[in-house]
Amino acid sequence: MKSIKAAFSVAAATHFGSGSFWLLLFVIAILDDAERRDEQRRKCKRLAKPQVVPVGKPPAGPRPF
């Protein structure tokens, strides 16, 4: 995740209301969830069986109907 320390510090220090502070927390939660989903998707792709693609000539012999 990208460094957001400066923006987070400014939002936490301002006294205009805590809206921007909670908005940043909400954004961090969304980004964290997106990263977790991407990791799960990559893990599923690694564990999935690769499709077998026949290479070369088909086997000799009678063909099924």
PDB file of N, CA and C in Angstrom:
ATOM      1  N   MET A   1       0.857  -1.167   0.000  1.00  0.00           N
ATOM      2  CA  MET A   1       0.000   0.000   0.000  1.00  0.00           C
ATOM      3  C   MET A   1       0.901   1.227   0.000  1.00  0.00           C
ATOM      4  N   LYS A   2       0.475   2.234  -0.696  1.00  0.00           N
ATOM      5  CA  LYS A   2       1.267   3.447  -0.803  1.00  0.00           C
ATOM      6  C   LYS A   2       1.291   4.168   0.536  1.00  0.00           C
ATOM      7  N   SER A   3       2.348   4.920   0.744  1.00  0.00           N
ATOM      8  CA  SER A   3       2.492   5.649   1.995  1.00  0.00           C
ATOM      9  C   SER A   3       1.539   6.846   2.009  1.00  0.00           C
ATOM     10  N   ILE A   4       0.709   6.923   3.019  1.00  0.00           N
ATOM     11  CA  ILE A   4      -0.247   8.030   3.145  1.00  0.00           C
ATOM     12  C   ILE A   4      -0.089   8.716   4.501  1.00  0.00           C
ATOM     13  N   LYS A   5       1.109   8.598   5.041  1.00  0.00           N
ATOM     14  CA  LYS A   5       1.365   9.129   6.378  1.00  0.00           C
ATOM     15  C   LYS A   5       1.094  10.627   6.458  1.00  0.00           C
ATOM     16  N   ALA A   6       1.526  11.393   5.470  1.00  0.00           N
ATOM     17  CA  ALA A   6       1.344  12.851   5.516  1.00  0.00           C
ATOM     18  C   ALA A   6      -0.138  13.220   5.480  1.00  0.00           C
ATOM     19  N   ALA A   7      -0.896  12.630   4.578  1.00  0.00           N
ATOM     20  CA  ALA A   7      -2.324  12.933   4.485  1.00  0.00           C
ATOM     21  C   ALA A   7      -3.063  12.481   5.737  1.00  0.00           C
ATOM     22  N   PHE A   8      -2.660  11.352   6.280  1.00  0.00           N
ATOM     23  CA  PHE A   8      -3.303  10.837   7.479  1.00  0.00           C
ATOM     24  C   PHE A   8      -3.024  11.758   8.669  1.00  0.00           C
ATOM     25  N   SER A   9      -1.791  12.250   8.772  1.00  0.00           N
ATOM     26  CA  SER A   9      -1.432  13.149   9.873  1.00  0.00           C
ATOM     27  C   SER A   9      -2.199  14.468   9.786  1.00  0.00           C
ATOM     28  N   VAL A  10      -2.326  15.014   8.588  1.00  0.00           N
ATOM     29  CA  VAL A  10      -3.060  16.268   8.408  1.00  0.00           C
ATOM     30  C   VAL A  10      -4.524  16.072   8.753  1.00  0.00           C
ATOM     31  N   ALA A  11      -5.112  14.968   8.312  1.00  0.00           N
ATOM     32  CA  ALA A  11      -6.517  14.714   8.592  1.00  0.00           C
ATOM     33  C   ALA A  11      -6.756  14.497  10.080  1.00  0.00           C
ATOM     34  N   ALA A  12      -5.816  13.876  10.759  1.00  0.00           N
ATOM     35  CA  ALA A  12      -5.971  13.627  12.185  1.00  0.00           C
ATOM     36  C   ALA A  12      -5.769  14.905  13.002  1.00  0.00           C
ATOM     37  N   ALA A  13      -4.965  15.840  12.486  1.00  0.00           N
ATOM     38  CA  ALA A  13      -4.641  17.044  13.239  1.00  0.00           C
ATOM     39  C   ALA A  13      -5.660  18.175  13.033  1.00  0.00           C
ATOM     40  N   THR A  14      -6.415  18.150  11.953  1.00  0.00           N
ATOM     41  CA  THR A  14      -7.351  19.243  11.698  1.00  0.00           C
ATOM     42  C   THR A  14      -8.525  19.177  12.662  1.00  0.00           C
ATOM     43  N   HIS A  15      -9.068  20.359  12.963  1.00  0.00           N
ATOM     44  CA  HIS A  15     -10.192  20.449  13.895  1.00  0.00           C
ATOM     45  C   HIS A  15     -11.464  20.891  13.183  1.00  0.00           C
ATOM     46  N   PHE A  16     -11.526  20.662  11.884  1.00  0.00           N
ATOM     47  CA  PHE A  16     -12.708  21.024  11.122  1.00  0.00           C
ATOM     48  C   PHE A  16     -13.797  19.970  11.248  1.00  0.00           C
ATOM     49  N   GLY A  17     -13.566  19.012  12.034  1.00  0.00           N
ATOM     50  CA  GLY A  17     -14.474  17.873  12.167  1.00  0.00           C
ATOM     51  C   GLY A  17     -13.696  16.609  11.870  1.00  0.00           C
ATOM     52  N   SER A  18     -14.230  15.545  12.290  1.00  0.00           N
ATOM     53  CA  SER A  18     -13.501  14.296  12.103  1.00  0.00           C
ATOM     54  C   SER A  18     -13.912  13.598  10.813  1.00  0.00           C
ATOM     55  N   GLY A  19     -14.625  14.301   9.936  1.00  0.00           N
ATOM     56  CA  GLY A  19     -15.081  13.693   8.685  1.00  0.00           C
ATOM     57  C   GLY A  19     -13.948  13.209   7.811  1.00  0.00           C
ATOM     58  N   SER A  20     -12.924  14.033   7.625  1.00  0.00           N
ATOM     59  CA  SER A  20     -11.819  13.632   6.759  1.00  0.00           C
ATOM     60  C   SER A  20     -11.015  12.500   7.381  1.00  0.00           C
ATOM     61  N   PHE A  21     -10.897  12.492   8.697  1.00  0.00           N
ATOM     62  CA  PHE A  21     -10.181  11.425   9.386  1.00  0.00           C
ATOM     63  C   PHE A  21     -10.877  10.083   9.145  1.00  0.00           C
ATOM     64  N   TRP A  22     -12.192  10.048   9.346  1.00  0.00           N
ATOM     65  CA  TRP A  22     -12.931   8.798   9.164  1.00  0.00           C
ATOM     66  C   TRP A  22     -13.006   8.410   7.692  1.00  0.00           C
ATOM     67  N   LEU A  23     -13.021   9.406   6.817  1.00  0.00           N
ATOM     68  CA  LEU A  23     -12.999   9.110   5.393  1.00  0.00           C
ATOM     69  C   LEU A  23     -11.696   8.405   5.018  1.00  0.00           C
ATOM     70  N   LEU A  24     -10.581   8.881   5.547  1.00  0.00           N
ATOM     71  CA  LEU A  24      -9.301   8.217   5.288  1.00  0.00           C
ATOM     72  C   LEU A  24      -9.290   6.798   5.838  1.00  0.00           C
ATOM     73  N   LEU A  25      -9.840   6.589   7.006  1.00  0.00           N
ATOM     74  CA  LEU A  25      -9.900   5.234   7.561  1.00  0.00           C
ATOM     75  C   LEU A  25     -10.744   4.328   6.663  1.00  0.00           C
ATOM     76  N   PHE A  26     -11.838   4.862   6.158  1.00  0.00           N
ATOM     77  CA  PHE A  26     -12.699   4.094   5.267  1.00  0.00           C
ATOM     78  C   PHE A  26     -11.966   3.737   3.975  1.00  0.00           C
ATOM     79  N   VAL A  27     -11.216   4.680   3.429  1.00  0.00           N
ATOM     80  CA  VAL A  27     -10.444   4.436   2.204  1.00  0.00           C
ATOM     81  C   VAL A  27      -9.386   3.373   2.452  1.00  0.00           C
ATOM     82  N   ILE A  28      -8.713   3.438   3.583  1.00  0.00           N
ATOM     83  CA  ILE A  28      -7.698   2.434   3.917  1.00  0.00           C
ATOM     84  C   ILE A  28      -8.335   1.050   4.006  1.00  0.00           C
ATOM     85  N   ALA A  29      -9.511   0.962   4.597  1.00  0.00           N
ATOM     86  CA  ALA A  29     -10.200  -0.327   4.703  1.00  0.00           C
ATOM     87  C   ALA A  29     -10.555  -0.866   3.315  1.00  0.00           C
ATOM     88  N   ILE A  30     -10.997   0.003   2.418  1.00  0.00           N
ATOM     89  CA  ILE A  30     -11.349  -0.425   1.063  1.00  0.00           C
ATOM     90  C   ILE A  30     -10.114  -0.923   0.325  1.00  0.00           C
ATOM     91  N   LEU A  31      -9.004  -0.183   0.416  1.00  0.00           N
ATOM     92  CA  LEU A  31      -7.776  -0.594  -0.261  1.00  0.00           C
ATOM     93  C   LEU A  31      -7.249  -1.915   0.296  1.00  0.00           C
ATOM     94  N   ASP A  32      -7.329  -2.089   1.606  1.00  0.00           N
ATOM     95  CA  ASP A  32      -6.869  -3.326   2.230  1.00  0.00           C
ATOM     96  C   ASP A  32      -7.720  -4.502   1.758  1.00  0.00           C
ATOM     97  N   ASP A  33      -9.024  -4.305   1.665  1.00  0.00           N
ATOM     98  CA  ASP A  33      -9.921  -5.362   1.201  1.00  0.00           C
ATOM     99  C   ASP A  33      -9.628  -5.714  -0.256  1.00  0.00           C
ATOM    100  N   ALA A  34      -9.340  -4.722  -1.070  1.00  0.00           N
ATOM    101  CA  ALA A  34      -9.023  -4.974  -2.474  1.00  0.00           C
ATOM    102  C   ALA A  34      -7.733  -5.785  -2.603  1.00  0.00           C
ATOM    103  N   GLU A  35      -6.728  -5.467  -1.795  1.00  0.00           N
ATOM    104  CA  GLU A  35      -5.477  -6.215  -1.818  1.00  0.00           C
ATOM    105  C   GLU A  35      -5.707  -7.662  -1.391  1.00  0.00           C
ATOM    106  N   ARG A  36      -6.535  -7.855  -0.363  1.00  0.00           N
ATOM    107  CA  ARG A  36      -6.813  -9.212   0.117  1.00  0.00           C
ATOM    108  C   ARG A  36      -7.512 -10.027  -0.964  1.00  0.00           C
ATOM    109  N   ARG A  37      -8.466  -9.410  -1.666  1.00  0.00           N
ATOM    110  CA  ARG A  37      -9.176 -10.121  -2.730  1.00  0.00           C
ATOM    111  C   ARG A  37      -8.254 -10.469  -3.887  1.00  0.00           C
ATOM    112  N   ASP A  38      -7.335  -9.550  -4.239  1.00  0.00           N
ATOM    113  CA  ASP A  38      -6.381  -9.830  -5.306  1.00  0.00           C
ATOM    114  C   ASP A  38      -5.480 -10.998  -4.932  1.00  0.00           C
ATOM    115  N   GLU A  39      -5.019 -11.042  -3.685  1.00  0.00           N
ATOM    116  CA  GLU A  39      -4.176 -12.145  -3.230  1.00  0.00           C
ATOM    117  C   GLU A  39      -4.935 -13.464  -3.294  1.00  0.00           C
ATOM    118  N   GLN A  40      -6.196 -13.476  -2.891  1.00  0.00           N
ATOM    119  CA  GLN A  40      -6.983 -14.703  -2.956  1.00  0.00           C
ATOM    120  C   GLN A  40      -7.186 -15.140  -4.406  1.00  0.00           C
ATOM    121  N   ARG A  41      -7.426 -14.189  -5.293  1.00  0.00           N
ATOM    122  CA  ARG A  41      -7.623 -14.512  -6.702  1.00  0.00           C
ATOM    123  C   ARG A  41      -6.355 -15.120  -7.293  1.00  0.00           C
ATOM    124  N   ARG A  42      -5.190 -14.541  -6.971  1.00  0.00           N
ATOM    125  CA  ARG A  42      -3.927 -15.082  -7.473  1.00  0.00           C
ATOM    126  C   ARG A  42      -3.677 -16.483  -6.923  1.00  0.00           C
ATOM    127  N   LYS A  43      -4.010 -16.688  -5.647  1.00  0.00           N
ATOM    128  CA  LYS A  43      -3.800 -17.994  -5.021  1.00  0.00           C
ATOM    129  C   LYS A  43      -4.676 -19.047  -5.695  1.00  0.00           C
ATOM    130  N   CYS A  44      -5.929 -18.719  -5.998  1.00  0.00           N
ATOM    131  CA  CYS A  44      -6.826 -19.659  -6.667  1.00  0.00           C
ATOM    132  C   CYS A  44      -6.323 -19.993  -8.068  1.00  0.00           C
ATOM    133  N   LYS A  45      -5.790 -19.010  -8.759  1.00  0.00           N
ATOM    134  CA  LYS A  45      -5.266 -19.268 -10.101  1.00  0.00           C
ATOM    135  C   LYS A  45      -4.055 -20.189 -10.051  1.00  0.00           C
ATOM    136  N   ARG A  46      -3.203 -20.031  -9.026  1.00  0.00           N
ATOM    137  CA  ARG A  46      -2.037 -20.899  -8.903  1.00  0.00           C
ATOM    138  C   ARG A  46      -2.442 -22.325  -8.592  1.00  0.00           C
ATOM    139  N   LEU A  47      -3.467 -22.500  -7.753  1.00  0.00           N
ATOM    140  CA  LEU A  47      -3.876 -23.828  -7.332  1.00  0.00           C
ATOM    141  C   LEU A  47      -4.752 -24.534  -8.354  1.00  0.00           C
ATOM    142  N   ALA A  48      -5.317 -23.793  -9.297  1.00  0.00           N
ATOM    143  CA  ALA A  48      -6.185 -24.398 -10.312  1.00  0.00           C
ATOM    144  C   ALA A  48      -5.353 -25.285 -11.234  1.00  0.00           C
ATOM    145  N   LYS A  49      -5.961 -26.380 -11.679  1.00  0.00           N
ATOM    146  CA  LYS A  49      -5.267 -27.270 -12.590  1.00  0.00           C
ATOM    147  C   LYS A  49      -5.098 -26.587 -13.937  1.00  0.00           C
ATOM    148  N   PRO A  50      -3.931 -26.693 -14.519  1.00  0.00           N
ATOM    149  CA  PRO A  50      -3.763 -26.127 -15.858  1.00  0.00           C
ATOM    150  C   PRO A  50      -4.502 -26.988 -16.880  1.00  0.00           C
ATOM    151  N   GLN A  51      -5.023 -26.355 -17.893  1.00  0.00           N
ATOM    152  CA  GLN A  51      -5.730 -27.086 -18.934  1.00  0.00           C
ATOM    153  C   GLN A  51      -4.727 -27.843 -19.785  1.00  0.00           C
ATOM    154  N   VAL A  52      -5.039 -29.080 -20.084  1.00  0.00           N
ATOM    155  CA  VAL A  52      -4.151 -29.913 -20.887  1.00  0.00           C
ATOM    156  C   VAL A  52      -4.470 -29.666 -22.352  1.00  0.00           C
ATOM    157  N   VAL A  53      -3.472 -29.216 -23.063  1.00  0.00           N
ATOM    158  CA  VAL A  53      -3.633 -28.945 -24.484  1.00  0.00           C
ATOM    159  C   VAL A  53      -2.855 -30.011 -25.240  1.00  0.00           C
ATOM    160  N   PRO A  54      -3.533 -30.800 -26.107  1.00  0.00           N
ATOM    161  CA  PRO A  54      -2.810 -31.834 -26.845  1.00  0.00           C
ATOM    162  C   PRO A  54      -1.819 -31.196 -27.810  1.00  0.00           C
ATOM    163  N   VAL A  55      -0.638 -31.788 -27.853  1.00  0.00           N
ATOM    164  CA  VAL A  55       0.416 -31.268 -28.712  1.00  0.00           C
ATOM    165  C   VAL A  55       0.764 -32.341 -29.731  1.00  0.00           C
ATOM    166  N   GLY A  56       0.884 -31.970 -30.982  1.00  0.00           N
ATOM    167  CA  GLY A  56       1.291 -32.919 -32.012  1.00  0.00           C
ATOM    168  C   GLY A  56       0.105 -33.585 -32.675  1.00  0.00           C
ATOM    169  N   LYS A  57       0.377 -34.752 -33.225  1.00  0.00           N
ATOM    170  CA  LYS A  57      -0.642 -35.494 -33.966  1.00  0.00           C
ATOM    171  C   LYS A  57      -1.619 -36.178 -33.014  1.00  0.00           C
ATOM    172  N   PRO A  58      -2.861 -36.361 -33.442  1.00  0.00           N
ATOM    173  CA  PRO A  58      -3.786 -37.139 -32.636  1.00  0.00           C
ATOM    174  C   PRO A  58      -3.376 -38.609 -32.642  1.00  0.00           C
ATOM    175  N   PRO A  59      -3.774 -39.392 -31.649  1.00  0.00           N
ATOM    176  CA  PRO A  59      -3.373 -40.799 -31.617  1.00  0.00           C
ATOM    177  C   PRO A  59      -3.967 -41.578 -32.772  1.00  0.00           C
ATOM    178  N   ALA A  60      -3.195 -42.557 -33.255  1.00  0.00           N
ATOM    179  CA  ALA A  60      -3.647 -43.391 -34.352  1.00  0.00           C
ATOM    180  C   ALA A  60      -4.701 -44.360 -33.852  1.00  0.00           C
ATOM    181  N   GLY A  61      -5.597 -44.741 -34.721  1.00  0.00           N
ATOM    182  CA  GLY A  61      -6.615 -45.712 -34.355  1.00  0.00           C
ATOM    183  C   GLY A  61      -7.989 -45.220 -34.731  1.00  0.00           C
ATOM    184  N   PRO A  62      -8.986 -46.035 -34.441  1.00  0.00           N
ATOM    185  CA  PRO A  62     -10.344 -45.639 -34.816  1.00  0.00           C
ATOM    186  C   PRO A  62     -10.819 -44.430 -34.016  1.00  0.00           C
ATOM    187  N   ARG A  63     -11.594 -43.613 -34.653  1.00  0.00           N
ATOM    188  CA  ARG A  63     -12.112 -42.424 -33.986  1.00  0.00           C
ATOM    189  C   ARG A  63     -13.501 -42.721 -33.446  1.00  0.00           C
ATOM    190  N   PRO A  64     -13.831 -42.233 -32.251  1.00  0.00           N
ATOM    191  CA  PRO A  64     -15.175 -42.450 -31.723  1.00  0.00           C
ATOM    192  C   PRO A  64     -16.188 -41.605 -32.481  1.00  0.00           C
ATOM    193  N   PHE A  65     -17.409 -42.080 -32.519  1.00  0.00           N
ATOM    194  CA  PHE A  65     -18.467 -41.350 -33.235  1.00  0.00           C
ATOM    195  C   PHE A  65     -18.914 -40.172 -32.486  1.00  0.00           C
TER     196      PHE A  65
END
